[in-house]
C-alpha cells in the first residue's frame, strides 16, 4: 500500500467520521423524515468506507457472494447511501409541492 492510498484512506476515515458524528447529532435533534434519511445515508456511506478499508487491508472479502459474476456486497454498499439521499430529496420535493 502506497503513501497515496494511506492518505486517501485516512482522509476518508477522518472526514467520514466527522460527517457521521454530526449526522448522529442531527438525528437526535430532529424527527423530520428527509433529515432522517440523509442521516441514514451518511451513516451507510461511512459503513462503506470502513468495509472498503477492511477489504483493502485484507481483513474481509466482500466479493464472495456473486450473482451472475457481479459481487453483491460492493454493489449494495456503494449504492445504498445514494438511494437514501435520493429518497430524502424526493420527500422534500413532494412536501414543497403540497404546500
N, C-alpha and C. Protein backbone atom coordinates (compact mmCIF):
# COMPACT_ATOMS: atom_id res chain seq x y z
N UNK A 1 0.86 -1.18 0.00
CA UNK A 1 0.00 0.00 0.00
C UNK A 1 0.90 1.23 0.00
N UNK A 2 0.66 2.10 -0.96
CA UNK A 2 1.47 3.29 -1.10
C UNK A 2 1.01 4.42 -0.20
N UNK A 3 1.84 5.44 -0.12
CA UNK A 3 1.53 6.60 0.70
C UNK A 3 0.25 7.29 0.22
N UNK A 4 0.06 7.35 -1.09
CA UNK A 4 -1.14 8.00 -1.62
C UNK A 4 -2.41 7.27 -1.18
N UNK A 5 -2.37 5.93 -1.14
CA UNK A 5 -3.53 5.17 -0.67
C UNK A 5 -3.77 5.39 0.82
N UNK A 6 -2.72 5.47 1.58
CA UNK A 6 -2.85 5.69 3.02
C UNK A 6 -3.45 7.06 3.30
N UNK A 7 -2.98 8.08 2.58
CA UNK A 7 -3.52 9.43 2.77
C UNK A 7 -4.98 9.49 2.35
N UNK A 8 -5.31 8.87 1.22
CA UNK A 8 -6.70 8.85 0.76
C UNK A 8 -7.59 8.13 1.75
N UNK A 9 -7.18 6.96 2.21
CA UNK A 9 -7.97 6.20 3.16
C UNK A 9 -8.11 6.96 4.49
N UNK A 10 -7.04 7.54 4.95
CA UNK A 10 -7.08 8.30 6.20
C UNK A 10 -7.99 9.51 6.12
N UNK A 11 -7.94 10.21 5.00
CA UNK A 11 -8.81 11.38 4.85
C UNK A 11 -10.27 10.96 4.76
N UNK A 12 -10.56 9.83 4.09
CA UNK A 12 -11.94 9.33 4.04
C UNK A 12 -12.43 8.95 5.43
N UNK A 13 -11.54 8.36 6.24
CA UNK A 13 -11.91 8.00 7.61
C UNK A 13 -12.22 9.23 8.45
N UNK A 14 -11.33 10.21 8.41
CA UNK A 14 -11.49 11.41 9.25
C UNK A 14 -12.71 12.22 8.83
N UNK A 15 -12.82 12.53 7.55
CA UNK A 15 -13.94 13.34 7.09
C UNK A 15 -15.25 12.57 7.25
N UNK A 16 -15.23 11.27 6.97
CA UNK A 16 -16.42 10.45 7.16
C UNK A 16 -16.84 10.36 8.61
N UNK A 17 -15.86 10.26 9.51
CA UNK A 17 -16.18 10.20 10.93
C UNK A 17 -16.81 11.50 11.42
N UNK A 18 -16.28 12.64 10.97
CA UNK A 18 -16.85 13.93 11.35
C UNK A 18 -18.27 14.06 10.82
N UNK A 19 -18.47 13.71 9.55
CA UNK A 19 -19.82 13.79 8.96
C UNK A 19 -20.79 12.86 9.67
N UNK A 20 -20.35 11.66 10.00
CA UNK A 20 -21.22 10.70 10.69
C UNK A 20 -21.54 11.18 12.10
N UNK A 21 -20.57 11.71 12.80
CA UNK A 21 -20.81 12.24 14.15
C UNK A 21 -21.84 13.37 14.10
N UNK A 22 -21.66 14.30 13.17
CA UNK A 22 -22.60 15.41 13.05
C UNK A 22 -23.99 14.92 12.62
N UNK A 23 -24.02 13.90 11.75
CA UNK A 23 -25.31 13.34 11.33
C UNK A 23 -26.04 12.72 12.51
N UNK A 24 -25.31 12.05 13.39
CA UNK A 24 -25.94 11.46 14.57
C UNK A 24 -26.45 12.55 15.51
N UNK A 25 -25.73 13.66 15.61
CA UNK A 25 -26.22 14.79 16.40
C UNK A 25 -27.52 15.33 15.82
N UNK A 26 -27.59 15.46 14.50
CA UNK A 26 -28.82 15.93 13.85
C UNK A 26 -29.95 14.93 14.10
N UNK A 27 -29.62 13.65 14.02
CA UNK A 27 -30.61 12.59 14.22
C UNK A 27 -31.26 12.72 15.59
N UNK A 28 -30.48 13.03 16.60
CA UNK A 28 -31.02 13.12 17.95
C UNK A 28 -31.85 14.39 18.18
N UNK A 29 -31.76 15.35 17.26
CA UNK A 29 -32.46 16.62 17.46
C UNK A 29 -33.61 16.84 16.47
N UNK A 30 -33.84 15.92 15.55
CA UNK A 30 -34.90 16.12 14.57
C UNK A 30 -35.70 14.85 14.38
N UNK A 31 -36.93 15.02 13.98
CA UNK A 31 -37.78 13.88 13.64
C UNK A 31 -38.30 14.05 12.21
N UNK A 32 -37.68 14.92 11.45
CA UNK A 32 -38.08 15.17 10.07
C UNK A 32 -37.64 14.00 9.20
N UNK A 33 -38.55 13.49 8.38
CA UNK A 33 -38.28 12.32 7.56
C UNK A 33 -37.10 12.53 6.61
N UNK A 34 -37.07 13.66 5.94
CA UNK A 34 -35.99 13.92 4.98
C UNK A 34 -34.63 13.94 5.68
N UNK A 35 -34.55 14.62 6.80
CA UNK A 35 -33.28 14.68 7.53
C UNK A 35 -32.88 13.31 8.06
N UNK A 36 -33.85 12.53 8.50
CA UNK A 36 -33.54 11.18 8.99
C UNK A 36 -32.95 10.32 7.86
N UNK A 37 -33.49 10.45 6.65
CA UNK A 37 -32.97 9.69 5.52
C UNK A 37 -31.57 10.14 5.13
N UNK A 38 -31.30 11.43 5.23
CA UNK A 38 -29.95 11.94 4.96
C UNK A 38 -28.96 11.41 6.00
N UNK A 39 -29.38 11.37 7.24
CA UNK A 39 -28.53 10.82 8.30
C UNK A 39 -28.23 9.35 8.04
N UNK A 40 -29.26 8.57 7.71
CA UNK A 40 -29.06 7.15 7.43
C UNK A 40 -28.13 6.96 6.23
N UNK A 41 -28.29 7.79 5.20
CA UNK A 41 -27.40 7.72 4.04
C UNK A 41 -25.96 8.03 4.41
N UNK A 42 -25.76 9.00 5.29
CA UNK A 42 -24.41 9.36 5.73
C UNK A 42 -23.78 8.23 6.53
N UNK A 43 -24.53 7.64 7.43
CA UNK A 43 -24.02 6.52 8.23
C UNK A 43 -23.72 5.32 7.32
N UNK A 44 -24.60 5.07 6.35
CA UNK A 44 -24.36 3.97 5.41
C UNK A 44 -23.10 4.22 4.58
N UNK A 45 -22.88 5.47 4.20
CA UNK A 45 -21.67 5.79 3.44
C UNK A 45 -20.42 5.54 4.28
N UNK A 46 -20.46 5.88 5.55
CA UNK A 46 -19.31 5.63 6.41
C UNK A 46 -19.09 4.13 6.58
N UNK A 47 -20.17 3.38 6.64
CA UNK A 47 -20.03 1.92 6.68
C UNK A 47 -19.33 1.40 5.44
N UNK A 48 -19.65 1.98 4.30
CA UNK A 48 -18.98 1.61 3.05
C UNK A 48 -17.49 1.94 3.13
N UNK A 49 -17.16 3.10 3.68
CA UNK A 49 -15.74 3.50 3.82
C UNK A 49 -15.00 2.51 4.70
N UNK A 50 -15.60 2.14 5.83
CA UNK A 50 -14.94 1.22 6.77
C UNK A 50 -14.76 -0.15 6.13
N UNK A 51 -15.82 -0.68 5.53
CA UNK A 51 -15.71 -2.01 4.92
C UNK A 51 -14.75 -2.02 3.73
N UNK A 52 -14.72 -0.95 2.97
CA UNK A 52 -13.76 -0.87 1.86
C UNK A 52 -12.33 -0.87 2.38
N UNK A 53 -12.10 -0.16 3.47
CA UNK A 53 -10.76 -0.14 4.06
C UNK A 53 -10.38 -1.52 4.59
N UNK A 54 -11.33 -2.19 5.24
CA UNK A 54 -11.05 -3.53 5.75
C UNK A 54 -10.75 -4.50 4.61
N UNK A 55 -11.45 -4.32 3.49
CA UNK A 55 -11.18 -5.18 2.34
C UNK A 55 -9.81 -4.88 1.74
N UNK A 56 -9.46 -3.60 1.66
CA UNK A 56 -8.15 -3.21 1.14
C UNK A 56 -7.03 -3.77 2.00
N UNK A 57 -7.25 -3.80 3.32
CA UNK A 57 -6.24 -4.33 4.24
C UNK A 57 -6.25 -5.85 4.30
N UNK A 58 -7.19 -6.49 3.62
CA UNK A 58 -7.24 -7.95 3.58
C UNK A 58 -7.92 -8.59 4.76
N UNK A 59 -8.69 -7.83 5.52
CA UNK A 59 -9.34 -8.38 6.71
C UNK A 59 -10.70 -9.01 6.40
N UNK A 60 -11.36 -8.53 5.36
CA UNK A 60 -12.64 -9.11 4.94
C UNK A 60 -12.63 -9.25 3.42
N UNK A 61 -13.49 -10.13 2.92
CA UNK A 61 -13.67 -10.26 1.48
C UNK A 61 -15.13 -9.98 1.18
N UNK A 62 -15.37 -8.95 0.40
CA UNK A 62 -16.73 -8.55 0.07
C UNK A 62 -17.21 -9.15 -1.25
N UNK A 63 -16.32 -9.83 -1.95
CA UNK A 63 -16.69 -10.34 -3.27
C UNK A 63 -17.05 -11.83 -3.26
N UNK A 64 -17.32 -12.39 -2.09
CA UNK A 64 -17.61 -13.82 -2.02
C UNK A 64 -19.00 -14.16 -2.54
N UNK A 65 -19.97 -13.28 -2.35
CA UNK A 65 -21.33 -13.53 -2.84
C UNK A 65 -21.49 -12.82 -4.17
N UNK A 66 -21.74 -13.60 -5.21
CA UNK A 66 -21.92 -13.01 -6.54
C UNK A 66 -23.21 -13.50 -7.18
N UNK A 67 -23.77 -12.67 -8.01
CA UNK A 67 -24.91 -13.05 -8.83
C UNK A 67 -24.52 -12.77 -10.27
N UNK A 68 -24.43 -13.84 -11.06
CA UNK A 68 -24.01 -13.74 -12.45
C UNK A 68 -22.68 -13.01 -12.62
N UNK A 69 -21.77 -13.25 -11.70
CA UNK A 69 -20.44 -12.66 -11.78
C UNK A 69 -20.30 -11.28 -11.18
N UNK A 70 -21.40 -10.73 -10.65
CA UNK A 70 -21.36 -9.39 -10.04
C UNK A 70 -21.34 -9.54 -8.52
N UNK A 71 -20.33 -8.97 -7.88
CA UNK A 71 -20.24 -9.03 -6.42
C UNK A 71 -21.38 -8.22 -5.80
N UNK A 72 -22.15 -8.84 -4.91
CA UNK A 72 -23.36 -8.24 -4.37
C UNK A 72 -23.05 -7.16 -3.34
N UNK A 73 -22.20 -7.45 -2.35
CA UNK A 73 -21.96 -6.51 -1.27
C UNK A 73 -21.35 -5.18 -1.71
N UNK A 74 -20.33 -5.17 -2.56
CA UNK A 74 -19.82 -3.88 -3.03
C UNK A 74 -20.88 -3.08 -3.79
N UNK A 75 -21.70 -3.76 -4.56
CA UNK A 75 -22.76 -3.08 -5.31
C UNK A 75 -23.76 -2.43 -4.35
N UNK A 76 -24.17 -3.16 -3.33
CA UNK A 76 -25.14 -2.63 -2.36
C UNK A 76 -24.51 -1.50 -1.56
N UNK A 77 -23.30 -1.72 -1.02
CA UNK A 77 -22.66 -0.72 -0.17
C UNK A 77 -22.40 0.59 -0.91
N UNK A 78 -22.12 0.51 -2.19
CA UNK A 78 -21.85 1.71 -2.97
C UNK A 78 -23.12 2.50 -3.26
N UNK A 79 -24.22 1.80 -3.48
CA UNK A 79 -25.44 2.46 -3.94
C UNK A 79 -26.45 2.80 -2.85
N UNK A 80 -26.41 2.14 -1.72
CA UNK A 80 -27.41 2.40 -0.66
C UNK A 80 -27.38 3.85 -0.16
N UNK A 81 -26.22 4.46 0.09
CA UNK A 81 -26.24 5.85 0.55
C UNK A 81 -26.94 6.79 -0.45
N UNK A 82 -26.65 6.64 -1.73
CA UNK A 82 -27.30 7.50 -2.73
C UNK A 82 -28.80 7.22 -2.82
N UNK A 83 -29.20 5.99 -2.56
CA UNK A 83 -30.62 5.65 -2.54
C UNK A 83 -31.32 6.41 -1.42
N UNK A 84 -30.73 6.42 -0.23
CA UNK A 84 -31.31 7.16 0.89
C UNK A 84 -31.33 8.66 0.62
N UNK A 85 -30.26 9.19 0.04
CA UNK A 85 -30.24 10.62 -0.30
C UNK A 85 -31.32 10.95 -1.31
N UNK A 86 -31.48 10.10 -2.32
CA UNK A 86 -32.50 10.33 -3.34
C UNK A 86 -33.90 10.33 -2.75
N UNK A 87 -34.16 9.38 -1.87
CA UNK A 87 -35.48 9.33 -1.23
C UNK A 87 -35.70 10.58 -0.38
N UNK A 88 -34.67 11.03 0.32
CA UNK A 88 -34.78 12.23 1.14
C UNK A 88 -35.11 13.45 0.27
N UNK A 89 -34.43 13.59 -0.85
CA UNK A 89 -34.69 14.71 -1.74
C UNK A 89 -36.09 14.63 -2.34
N UNK A 90 -36.53 13.41 -2.63
CA UNK A 90 -37.88 13.22 -3.14
C UNK A 90 -38.92 13.63 -2.09
N UNK A 91 -38.68 13.29 -0.85
CA UNK A 91 -39.58 13.69 0.24
C UNK A 91 -39.66 15.21 0.31
N UNK A 92 -38.53 15.89 0.19
CA UNK A 92 -38.51 17.35 0.23
C UNK A 92 -39.28 17.94 -0.95
N UNK A 93 -39.07 17.40 -2.15
CA UNK A 93 -39.78 17.90 -3.34
C UNK A 93 -41.28 17.70 -3.20
N UNK A 94 -41.70 16.52 -2.77
CA UNK A 94 -43.12 16.25 -2.61
C UNK A 94 -43.73 17.16 -1.54
N UNK A 95 -43.01 17.35 -0.46
CA UNK A 95 -43.51 18.21 0.62
C UNK A 95 -43.68 19.65 0.14
N UNK A 96 -42.73 20.14 -0.66
CA UNK A 96 -42.80 21.52 -1.17
C UNK A 96 -43.98 21.69 -2.13
N UNK A 97 -44.25 20.67 -2.93
CA UNK A 97 -45.35 20.77 -3.89
C UNK A 97 -46.71 20.74 -3.20
N UNK A 98 -46.78 20.13 -2.04
CA UNK A 98 -48.05 20.02 -1.33
C UNK A 98 -48.36 21.28 -0.52
N UNK A 99 -47.41 22.16 -0.39
CA UNK A 99 -47.64 23.38 0.40
C UNK A 99 -48.30 24.45 -0.41
